[in-house]
Structure formats: structure tokens, C-alpha cells
Amino acid sequence: MVISQKSTFRLLLIFFIPLLFTNCKDSGNKKDEASVETTQEKTVPEDLKWSERMLMSEMHRFPEATKLDFREKPKWSYTNGLVLKAAQEVYEQTNKQEYYDYIYDFADTLITAEGEIRTYKLSDQNLDMLNSGNVLLYLYPETKEERFLTALKTLRSQIDTQPRTPDGGFWHKKRYTQQMWLDGLYMAEPFYAHYTKMFTEQEAAAAKAYDDIVHQFDLIQKHTLDENTGLLYHGWDSSREQKWANKETGTSPNFWSRAMGWYGMAMVDVLDYLPEDHAGREKIIKYLNQFAEAVTKYQNKDSGLWYQVLDQGDREGNYLEASGTSMFTYTFAKGVKKGYLPEKYMTVAEKAYGGLLKNLITVEEDGIVNLNQVCAVAGLGGDPYRDASYEYYVNEEIRSNDPKGTGPFILASLQLDK
């Protein structure tokens, strides 16, 4: 019988592989396998803090910061500024160059050599667009690039021309006539205060600006606060002409969690720049304490999270929402650490954060972190018309990793140092 070379090779394998396997077993092969598993690199290492893990996940999802919020093309928008504020704080904690580069590339791409802001229109008079000015307020002192200063001056000029209600409140946008929204306090006031502190040298001019900033908080409290619940309605129409507006009060009909979240963050952030001796500080701290007391009443006892429509958790269709919860967590934790809020609210923040990790955070095999159950968008009026009804809020799109949730989650994580 003639045995081919291939057959001979197969026979050798049959006899020798079991011997090799036995020897490997005896020499601690399981240990070797374990070491191979542990040395496999993940896209996002799991031994980092949650703040850095989420930032790395966002950078993986959106390698270009100009396309945050699932954009196909670069855009100057408020969501970029929100996530990049978080990136700035992570960079300051870790000193990792890639985080600074991520921030810088956003401004480098959207600010021309002449200082023009690509995709931004001053004529829109849109308060949302001021929020990403905070990126430039961070980068300009670092780089001294004249184009960043020119762009900052353009954004600051919008405040001088922003349409106002009869008692001086900023319209949310030019096309949203006579309307103040809670969202707008976050979009405009921290930028306005930071710019004033950085660039306004004349005391009289600075004092006037700070008074104007505090006035915006006074007005939103006056016009949107519900005395029964302590919560603030999403919007107010001074003309009472909008279909969503109460004909007597001008307020919209519901309490949206993210609108309240924007407002809470606005208060704790604007206090970073309002002078210690300005009378408005104590007023805003008082508003913040009223806010915290009211919001805490509606925290879900089991999960620690908050509902999309804050005061109607037992109603069909309502759900525990990630962005509002992350914003409240950040607001309470920062408020306590800064001494604005009593220590008991840190317990509220810790419970909320634990609820986020347990219920709304998932981690993929490669370490990528996801934040789930985020309301994609909600507003008032427009086309198609948004009537601010309960049904409207609970039926807007829900998605994972919306930057309006991931940004505040990073900020909350930093405050709690988890």
C-alpha cells in the first residue's frame, strides 16, 4: 500500500495533537488563555471614569465634533457647545491632548481666517447659537487667534440686537415672536456672563450687562413658575397669540423635563461668572433652591430617574428620560459642591446617577458606552406645529446617544467623580 505525503501528515497529526494538548494543559494553558483575553484592547477601556468613557464613545461615534448630533455636514449648533464644554472639563482633568484637539478642530473648521462663523446667521437671532460661543471663550485665551475673537464679537453683537418682549426678555428666536423658553436661559446667559467677565472693562457697562442677565432669570420666574408645583412651564408667549399659550397667563401647558434641566444648568453655570458682590447672585441661588425642592418631589422613588413630562409619571405613554435626569444630576451635584444647595441634594444626585447607570447605560463588547432613552427633540410652535400637549412630548422621537443627553451625563459624571 502506498501512503501519500498528505496521508502521512494526517496520521502524524492524529497521534501527536492529543499529546501536545495534554502537555499544554499540564503547563497552565488556561492561564495563558486568560492573559490573552485580558490583553485584548478595547475601543474604550473600562478602567477609566465614566466621564472619560462617555467622551471617548462620543468621539468614536462622531470623529468630527462639527458633526455631533448625527449631522451629515459640519454645523454651528448648541449641541456641539454642550458636548465640548464637557470635553473641556475632561481635558482639564486628564490633560490628554486628543481631547483638546477635538475641541480645537470644531472651531478650526467652522471659523474662517477672517473670523466668520460658517453656517451661522446673525439675522436668525437664534439664542441657541450663542452656546457654542463658550468653545471660543475657552480657546481664545489659549491660542490668541484673532479670528476667534472676531467670531466672539459677532456672537456678542447678537445680544444687542436680539428682539425682546415688552418687559425686556429675549425672544428665543426671531421667528418665535414674543416667546421666552426655559432652554434660552442656558443658551444665552452663561455665554453673556462669561463674555462680560472676560472682555468688558468698563464697570458701568459690565454692571449693566450683569443686571440684564439677572433680569432674564427674574422674568422667566415671573412668567413661567407654577405656584402649585414649583415647576416652570416650558415656554411663555407675552402676546398670548400662540395656540399653545394659555390665554390668561401666556404659558405653555406642560412641564418638560429637559426644559427644566436646561434651566437648572443655566443657574449653576451663570453663577461661575456673576460677580460675588452682585445682588443678583443671591436671587439666582434662591431660585435654584426653589427649583431643587420642586424637582426632587417628582423624582421616581424606585429608579431615581425623572419622567419626560415631570409631574405625570403615572400616565400612559410617559417614560423615564435620560437627558433631563442627567441635567438634574449635574445641577444638584454642582449646586451642592459650590455651596448653593444643602448637602441633602447630593443624595438626590447620587440616586439619580445610580439610576442612570443601572437603567439607561449600556456598554458594548468593545467598551463603547451608550446612553439610552433620550428625547431627540422637543419645541414649541413651528412647522409642523408643536402644541406642547402631553401627547406631543411623549410621542417625540426617542433615541440613544443624543448629545443633549451624553453631554450632561459627562458633566454629571465629572461632578460626582465616578
Protein backbone atom coordinates (compact mmCIF):
# COMPACT_ATOMS: atom_id res chain seq x y z
CA MET A 1 0.00 0.00 0.00
CA VAL A 2 1.33 3.39 -0.95
CA ILE A 3 0.75 6.18 1.55
CA SER A 4 0.81 9.69 0.16
CA GLN A 5 2.63 12.54 1.83
CA LYS A 6 -0.73 14.16 2.73
CA SER A 7 -1.94 10.94 4.38
CA THR A 8 1.28 10.62 6.33
CA PHE A 9 0.86 14.18 7.60
CA ARG A 10 -2.73 13.48 8.70
CA LEU A 11 -1.62 10.38 10.63
CA LEU A 12 1.06 12.34 12.43
CA LEU A 13 -1.50 14.96 13.41
CA ILE A 14 -3.85 12.27 14.75
CA PHE A 15 -1.14 10.82 17.00
CA PHE A 16 0.67 13.93 18.14
CA ILE A 17 -2.08 16.57 18.68
CA PRO A 18 -3.52 14.78 21.77
CA LEU A 19 -0.02 14.62 23.26
CA LEU A 20 0.53 18.31 22.59
CA PHE A 21 -2.87 19.17 24.05
CA THR A 22 -2.12 17.16 27.22
CA ASN A 23 1.24 18.86 27.64
CA CYS A 24 -0.32 22.30 27.14
CA LYS A 25 -2.97 21.52 29.75
CA ASP A 26 -0.33 20.48 32.21
CA SER A 27 1.72 23.65 31.62
CA GLY A 28 -1.08 26.05 32.56
CA ASN A 29 -2.71 26.74 29.21
CA LYS A 30 -5.81 28.16 30.88
CA LYS A 31 -3.69 30.86 32.44
CA ASP A 32 -2.24 31.71 29.03
CA GLU A 33 -5.73 31.96 27.52
CA ALA A 34 -6.84 34.24 30.31
CA SER A 35 -3.87 36.51 29.78
CA VAL A 36 -4.63 36.74 26.06
CA GLU A 37 -8.22 37.74 26.84
CA THR A 38 -7.22 40.45 29.27
CA THR A 39 -4.66 41.96 26.94
CA GLN A 40 -7.11 42.41 24.05
CA GLU A 41 -7.51 46.16 23.70
CA LYS A 42 -10.98 47.67 23.78
CA THR A 43 -12.01 50.81 21.89
CA VAL A 44 -12.95 52.36 25.23
CA PRO A 45 -11.09 50.92 28.26
CA GLU A 46 -13.39 50.04 31.13
CA ASP A 47 -10.96 51.05 33.89
CA LEU A 48 -11.50 54.77 33.18
CA LYS A 49 -14.04 57.05 34.85
CA TRP A 50 -17.49 57.25 33.28
CA SER A 51 -16.88 60.82 32.12
CA GLU A 52 -13.89 59.82 30.01
CA ARG A 53 -15.52 56.61 28.81
CA MET A 54 -18.53 58.52 27.50
CA LEU A 55 -16.38 61.22 25.88
CA MET A 56 -14.29 58.56 24.12
CA SER A 57 -17.51 56.89 22.98
CA GLU A 58 -18.81 60.18 21.58
CA MET A 59 -15.54 60.77 19.75
CA HIS A 60 -15.80 57.27 18.30
CA ARG A 61 -19.38 57.92 17.14
CA PHE A 62 -18.58 61.42 15.89
CA PRO A 63 -14.88 61.66 14.92
CA GLU A 64 -15.56 65.23 13.77
CA ALA A 65 -17.00 67.43 16.51
CA THR A 66 -18.66 69.58 13.83
CA LYS A 67 -20.98 66.64 13.09
CA LEU A 68 -22.15 65.95 16.61
CA ASP A 69 -25.90 65.36 16.77
CA PHE A 70 -25.84 62.95 13.82
CA ARG A 71 -25.08 65.65 11.23
CA GLU A 72 -24.03 64.81 7.70
CA LYS A 73 -22.31 68.18 7.26
CA PRO A 74 -20.48 70.46 9.71
CA LYS A 75 -22.81 72.81 11.59
CA TRP A 76 -22.52 75.50 14.24
CA SER A 77 -25.13 74.47 16.80
CA TYR A 78 -25.76 74.42 20.52
CA THR A 79 -25.27 70.66 20.90
CA ASN A 80 -21.62 70.96 19.85
CA GLY A 81 -21.01 73.52 22.56
CA LEU A 82 -22.71 71.32 25.14
CA VAL A 83 -20.55 68.25 24.49
CA LEU A 84 -17.38 70.32 24.03
CA LYS A 85 -17.89 72.04 27.38
CA ALA A 86 -17.85 68.53 28.83
CA ALA A 87 -14.78 67.66 26.72
CA GLN A 88 -13.01 70.75 28.06
CA GLU A 89 -13.58 69.63 31.63
CA VAL A 90 -12.39 66.09 30.87
CA TYR A 91 -9.28 67.52 29.20
CA GLU A 92 -8.55 69.74 32.20
CA GLN A 93 -8.77 66.68 34.44
CA THR A 94 -6.76 64.26 32.26
CA ASN A 95 -4.51 66.56 30.20
CA LYS A 96 -4.88 64.21 27.20
CA GLN A 97 -4.07 66.07 24.01
CA GLU A 98 -6.67 64.27 21.88
CA TYR A 99 -9.48 65.88 23.86
CA TYR A 100 -8.10 69.37 23.33
CA ASP A 101 -7.61 68.61 19.64
CA TYR A 102 -11.24 67.52 19.37
CA ILE A 103 -12.37 70.87 20.78
CA TYR A 104 -9.95 72.88 18.66
CA ASP A 105 -10.89 71.11 15.41
CA PHE A 106 -14.52 72.21 15.86
CA ALA A 107 -13.56 75.87 15.97
CA ASP A 108 -10.80 75.50 13.38
CA THR A 109 -13.27 74.02 10.89
CA LEU A 110 -16.14 76.45 11.43
CA ILE A 111 -14.29 79.75 11.95
CA THR A 112 -12.78 81.16 8.76
CA ALA A 113 -9.47 83.01 8.62
CA GLU A 114 -11.49 86.25 8.61
CA GLY A 115 -13.43 85.26 11.73
CA GLU A 116 -16.72 84.42 10.03
CA ILE A 117 -18.76 81.57 11.55
CA ARG A 118 -19.74 79.03 8.92
CA THR A 119 -23.48 78.07 8.89
CA TYR A 120 -24.31 80.83 11.46
CA LYS A 121 -26.75 83.62 10.52
CA LEU A 122 -26.91 86.65 12.77
CA SER A 123 -30.21 87.59 11.14
CA ASP A 124 -31.87 84.47 12.62
CA GLN A 125 -31.46 85.98 16.11
CA ASN A 126 -31.37 82.45 17.48
CA LEU A 127 -30.33 82.20 21.14
CA ASP A 128 -29.31 78.56 20.65
CA MET A 129 -26.35 79.65 18.55
CA LEU A 130 -24.71 81.53 21.43
CA ASN A 131 -23.99 78.36 23.42
CA SER A 132 -21.11 77.22 21.20
CA GLY A 133 -19.54 80.62 21.77
CA ASN A 134 -18.35 79.08 25.03
CA VAL A 135 -15.92 76.99 22.97
CA LEU A 136 -14.34 80.19 21.66
CA LEU A 137 -14.29 81.76 25.11
CA TYR A 138 -12.16 78.78 26.13
CA LEU A 139 -9.93 78.67 23.05
CA TYR A 140 -9.21 82.36 22.54
CA PRO A 141 -7.17 82.85 25.76
CA GLU A 142 -5.32 79.61 24.94
CA THR A 143 -4.49 80.42 21.32
CA LYS A 144 -4.83 84.22 20.97
CA GLU A 145 -6.09 83.62 17.43
CA GLU A 146 -7.63 86.85 16.20
CA ARG A 147 -10.28 85.03 14.15
CA PHE A 148 -11.73 83.54 17.34
CA LEU A 149 -12.03 86.99 18.89
CA THR A 150 -13.73 88.33 15.77
CA ALA A 151 -16.25 85.49 15.89
CA LEU A 152 -16.86 86.12 19.59
CA LYS A 153 -17.62 89.78 18.90
CA THR A 154 -20.14 88.73 16.26
CA LEU A 155 -21.92 86.45 18.72
CA ARG A 156 -21.89 89.13 21.40
CA SER A 157 -23.40 91.60 18.94
CA GLN A 158 -26.42 89.32 18.61
CA ILE A 159 -27.35 90.10 22.22
CA ASP A 160 -27.52 93.82 21.40
CA THR A 161 -29.94 93.22 18.53
CA GLN A 162 -31.94 90.30 19.97
CA PRO A 163 -35.69 91.07 19.85
CA ARG A 164 -37.25 91.38 23.30
CA THR A 165 -40.63 91.09 24.98
CA PRO A 166 -42.16 94.34 26.27
CA ASP A 167 -40.55 93.79 29.69
CA GLY A 168 -37.10 93.00 28.25
CA GLY A 169 -36.97 89.22 27.85
CA PHE A 170 -35.05 87.77 24.92
CA TRP A 171 -37.17 86.13 22.24
CA HIS A 172 -35.95 82.56 21.82
CA LYS A 173 -35.56 83.12 18.08
CA LYS A 174 -36.64 85.84 15.69
CA ARG A 175 -39.25 83.53 14.20
CA TYR A 176 -40.61 82.65 17.65
CA THR A 177 -42.07 86.06 18.23
CA GLN A 178 -42.64 87.34 21.76
CA GLN A 179 -41.62 83.98 23.28
CA MET A 180 -39.25 83.11 26.11
CA TRP A 181 -38.31 79.44 26.55
CA LEU A 182 -36.52 77.88 29.53
CA ASP A 183 -33.97 76.49 27.04
CA GLY A 184 -32.88 80.02 26.16
CA LEU A 185 -31.60 80.77 29.65
CA TYR A 186 -28.94 78.09 29.20
CA MET A 187 -28.16 79.02 25.60
CA ALA A 188 -27.54 82.71 26.25
CA GLU A 189 -26.86 83.67 29.85
CA PRO A 190 -23.67 81.71 30.72
CA PHE A 191 -22.11 82.92 27.44
CA TYR A 192 -23.29 86.50 28.08
CA ALA A 193 -21.89 86.45 31.63
CA HIS A 194 -18.59 84.79 30.67
CA TYR A 195 -18.02 87.22 27.79
CA THR A 196 -18.78 90.17 30.08
CA LYS A 197 -16.32 88.96 32.70
CA MET A 198 -13.60 88.35 30.11
CA PHE A 199 -13.89 91.44 27.92
CA THR A 200 -15.99 94.22 29.46
CA GLU A 201 -13.55 96.50 31.26
CA GLN A 202 -15.80 99.49 32.00
CA GLU A 203 -17.52 98.92 35.33
CA ALA A 204 -20.74 100.65 34.31
CA ALA A 205 -21.04 98.59 31.12
CA ALA A 206 -20.31 95.36 32.98
CA ALA A 207 -22.82 96.17 35.71
CA LYS A 208 -25.47 96.88 33.08
CA ALA A 209 -24.79 93.53 31.40
CA TYR A 210 -24.93 91.59 34.67
CA ASP A 211 -28.20 93.32 35.57
CA ASP A 212 -29.61 92.34 32.19
CA ILE A 213 -28.56 88.70 32.73
CA VAL A 214 -30.24 88.51 36.13
CA HIS A 215 -33.31 90.20 34.63
CA GLN A 216 -33.76 87.26 32.26
CA PHE A 217 -33.96 84.88 35.23
CA ASP A 218 -36.36 87.24 37.02
CA LEU A 219 -38.66 87.27 34.01
CA ILE A 220 -38.68 83.52 33.45
CA GLN A 221 -39.51 83.04 37.14
CA LYS A 222 -42.26 85.65 36.97
CA HIS A 223 -43.91 84.33 33.84
CA THR A 224 -43.42 80.53 33.84
CA LEU A 225 -43.39 79.46 37.52
CA ASP A 226 -46.37 77.38 38.63
CA GLU A 227 -47.05 78.18 42.27
CA ASN A 228 -48.79 74.84 42.96
CA THR A 229 -45.96 72.53 41.86
CA GLY A 230 -42.94 74.86 41.98
CA LEU A 231 -42.11 73.72 38.43
CA LEU A 232 -41.65 76.04 35.45
CA TYR A 233 -43.55 75.71 32.19
CA HIS A 234 -41.51 75.16 29.02
CA GLY A 235 -42.38 78.49 27.43
CA TRP A 236 -44.21 81.80 27.70
CA ASP A 237 -45.79 83.90 24.95
CA SER A 238 -46.12 87.52 26.00
CA SER A 239 -48.63 88.14 23.18
CA ARG A 240 -50.84 85.14 24.10
CA GLU A 241 -51.24 84.52 20.36
CA GLN A 242 -49.70 81.04 20.10
CA LYS A 243 -52.13 78.11 20.04
CA TRP A 244 -50.12 76.52 22.84
CA ALA A 245 -50.32 79.61 25.07
CA ASN A 246 -52.74 79.95 27.97
CA LYS A 247 -54.89 82.95 27.07
CA GLU A 248 -54.60 84.38 30.59
CA THR A 249 -51.00 83.60 31.56
CA GLY A 250 -49.30 83.03 28.20
CA THR A 251 -47.64 79.83 29.44
CA SER A 252 -47.38 76.52 27.61
CA PRO A 253 -49.40 73.70 29.23
CA ASN A 254 -46.78 71.18 30.45
CA PHE A 255 -43.57 70.71 32.41
CA TRP A 256 -40.96 69.13 30.13
CA SER A 257 -38.03 67.59 31.98
CA ARG A 258 -35.28 68.77 29.61
CA ALA A 259 -36.57 72.34 29.59
CA MET A 260 -36.31 72.31 33.38
CA GLY A 261 -32.90 70.69 33.01
CA TRP A 262 -31.65 73.47 30.75
CA TYR A 263 -32.85 76.00 33.32
CA GLY A 264 -31.14 74.26 36.24
CA MET A 265 -27.82 74.11 34.37
CA ALA A 266 -28.21 77.75 33.39
CA MET A 267 -28.38 78.79 37.03
CA VAL A 268 -25.37 76.81 38.30
CA ASP A 269 -23.27 77.79 35.26
CA VAL A 270 -24.07 81.51 35.19
CA LEU A 271 -23.01 81.76 38.84
CA ASP A 272 -19.47 80.85 37.71
CA TYR A 273 -19.20 84.32 36.17
CA LEU A 274 -21.58 86.58 38.08
CA PRO A 275 -19.51 88.75 40.48
CA GLU A 276 -19.56 87.75 44.13
CA ASP A 277 -20.81 91.21 45.15
CA HIS A 278 -23.63 91.39 42.59
CA ALA A 279 -27.06 91.44 44.23
CA GLY A 280 -28.39 89.07 41.60
CA ARG A 281 -26.30 86.16 42.91
CA GLU A 282 -28.44 85.63 45.99
CA LYS A 283 -31.57 85.91 43.89
CA ILE A 284 -30.45 83.19 41.47
CA ILE A 285 -29.33 80.97 44.37
CA LYS A 286 -32.81 81.41 45.86
CA TYR A 287 -34.37 80.41 42.52
CA LEU A 288 -32.05 77.40 42.40
CA ASN A 289 -33.13 76.22 45.85
CA GLN A 290 -36.80 76.57 44.92
CA PHE A 291 -36.08 74.64 41.74
CA ALA A 292 -34.30 71.82 43.59
CA GLU A 293 -37.10 71.44 46.12
CA ALA A 294 -39.74 71.22 43.39
CA VAL A 295 -37.83 68.86 41.07
CA THR A 296 -36.95 66.46 43.89
CA LYS A 297 -40.65 65.89 44.61
CA TYR A 298 -41.06 64.32 41.18
CA GLN A 299 -38.03 62.00 41.26
CA ASN A 300 -39.12 58.41 40.69
CA LYS A 301 -38.71 56.69 44.06
CA ASP A 302 -37.69 53.31 42.64
CA SER A 303 -35.24 54.25 39.90
CA GLY A 304 -34.09 57.74 40.92
CA LEU A 305 -34.86 58.99 37.40
CA TRP A 306 -37.29 61.63 36.16
CA TYR A 307 -40.10 61.35 33.63
CA GLN A 308 -40.29 63.08 30.25
CA VAL A 309 -43.33 65.03 31.49
CA LEU A 310 -42.25 65.66 35.04
CA ASP A 311 -45.49 65.62 37.02
CA GLN A 312 -47.37 62.87 35.17
CA GLY A 313 -45.32 59.76 35.78
CA ASP A 314 -48.36 57.53 36.21
CA ARG A 315 -49.87 58.47 32.86
CA GLU A 316 -49.81 56.12 29.88
CA GLY A 317 -47.00 56.80 27.41
CA ASN A 318 -44.75 58.70 29.80
CA TYR A 319 -41.22 57.35 30.25
CA LEU A 320 -38.09 57.84 32.35
CA GLU A 321 -35.91 60.14 30.26
CA ALA A 322 -32.11 60.34 30.23
CA SER A 323 -31.26 63.93 29.29
CA GLY A 324 -33.45 65.64 31.88
CA THR A 325 -32.21 63.21 34.53
CA SER A 326 -28.56 63.85 33.59
CA MET A 327 -29.13 67.62 33.71
CA PHE A 328 -30.77 67.47 37.13
CA THR A 329 -27.95 65.26 38.40
CA TYR A 330 -25.36 67.77 37.22
CA THR A 331 -27.31 70.74 38.61
CA PHE A 332 -27.74 69.22 42.06
CA ALA A 333 -24.19 67.88 42.35
CA LYS A 334 -22.59 71.14 41.22
CA GLY A 335 -25.00 73.20 43.31
CA VAL A 336 -24.01 71.31 46.46
CA LYS A 337 -20.27 71.37 45.70
CA LYS A 338 -20.39 75.13 45.10
CA GLY A 339 -22.31 75.71 48.32
CA TYR A 340 -25.51 76.91 46.66
CA LEU A 341 -27.63 73.94 47.74
CA PRO A 342 -27.89 71.99 51.01
CA GLU A 343 -25.99 68.69 51.27
CA LYS A 344 -29.20 66.64 51.04
CA TYR A 345 -29.34 67.28 47.31
CA MET A 346 -26.10 65.37 46.79
CA THR A 347 -28.02 62.30 47.92
CA VAL A 348 -30.65 63.08 45.29
CA ALA A 349 -27.92 63.41 42.64
CA GLU A 350 -26.25 60.14 43.71
CA LYS A 351 -29.54 58.27 43.50
CA ALA A 352 -30.27 59.70 40.06
CA TYR A 353 -26.80 58.83 38.80
CA GLY A 354 -27.10 55.29 40.09
CA GLY A 355 -30.41 55.05 38.27
CA LEU A 356 -28.82 56.17 35.02
CA LEU A 357 -26.07 53.56 35.30
CA LYS A 358 -28.47 50.77 36.20
CA ASN A 359 -31.31 51.53 33.79
CA LEU A 360 -30.17 53.71 30.90
CA ILE A 361 -26.46 52.99 30.35
CA THR A 362 -25.34 50.01 28.28
CA VAL A 363 -21.78 49.03 27.34
CA GLU A 364 -20.89 47.20 24.12
CA GLU A 365 -18.28 44.44 23.88
CA ASP A 366 -15.65 46.89 22.65
CA GLY A 367 -16.29 49.20 25.61
CA ILE A 368 -18.39 51.79 23.75
CA VAL A 369 -20.84 53.38 26.21
CA ASN A 370 -24.43 54.14 25.21
CA LEU A 371 -26.95 56.41 26.92
CA ASN A 372 -30.45 55.24 26.08
CA GLN A 373 -33.96 56.71 26.21
CA VAL A 374 -33.12 60.30 25.28
CA CYS A 375 -35.81 62.54 23.84
CA ALA A 376 -34.40 63.56 20.45
CA VAL A 377 -36.03 66.99 20.28
CA ALA A 378 -39.00 68.97 21.57
CA GLY A 379 -40.06 72.55 21.00
CA LEU A 380 -42.99 74.91 20.71
CA GLY A 381 -44.86 76.03 17.59
CA GLY A 382 -43.01 75.91 14.28
CA ASP A 383 -43.93 73.89 11.20
CA PRO A 384 -45.20 71.21 11.65
CA TYR A 385 -46.83 72.80 14.65
CA ARG A 386 -45.82 71.59 18.13
CA ASP A 387 -48.70 72.18 20.51
CA ALA A 388 -46.88 71.35 23.79
CA SER A 389 -49.58 68.84 24.74
CA TYR A 390 -48.81 65.80 26.86
CA GLU A 391 -49.27 63.63 23.77
CA TYR A 392 -46.78 65.76 21.85
CA TYR A 393 -43.98 65.39 24.41
CA VAL A 394 -44.31 61.63 24.92
CA ASN A 395 -44.53 60.89 21.20
CA GLU A 396 -41.45 62.78 20.02
CA GLU A 397 -38.61 60.55 18.81
CA ILE A 398 -36.59 58.69 21.46
CA ARG A 399 -33.03 57.70 20.59
CA SER A 400 -29.74 56.60 22.11
CA ASN A 401 -26.67 58.83 22.43
CA ASP A 402 -28.32 62.12 21.65
CA PRO A 403 -25.71 64.73 22.64
CA LYS A 404 -28.31 66.60 24.68
CA GLY A 405 -28.06 63.60 26.98
CA THR A 406 -24.44 62.50 26.63
CA GLY A 407 -23.04 65.98 27.28
CA PRO A 408 -24.87 66.42 30.61
CA PHE A 409 -24.07 62.80 31.53
CA ILE A 410 -20.34 63.58 31.18
CA LEU A 411 -20.75 66.78 33.21
CA ALA A 412 -22.68 64.93 35.93
CA SER A 413 -20.03 62.19 35.98
CA LEU A 414 -17.31 64.78 36.50
CA GLN A 415 -19.17 66.43 39.38
CA LEU A 416 -19.69 63.09 41.11
CA ASP A 417 -16.17 61.87 40.18
CA LYS A 418 -17.43 58.39 39.32
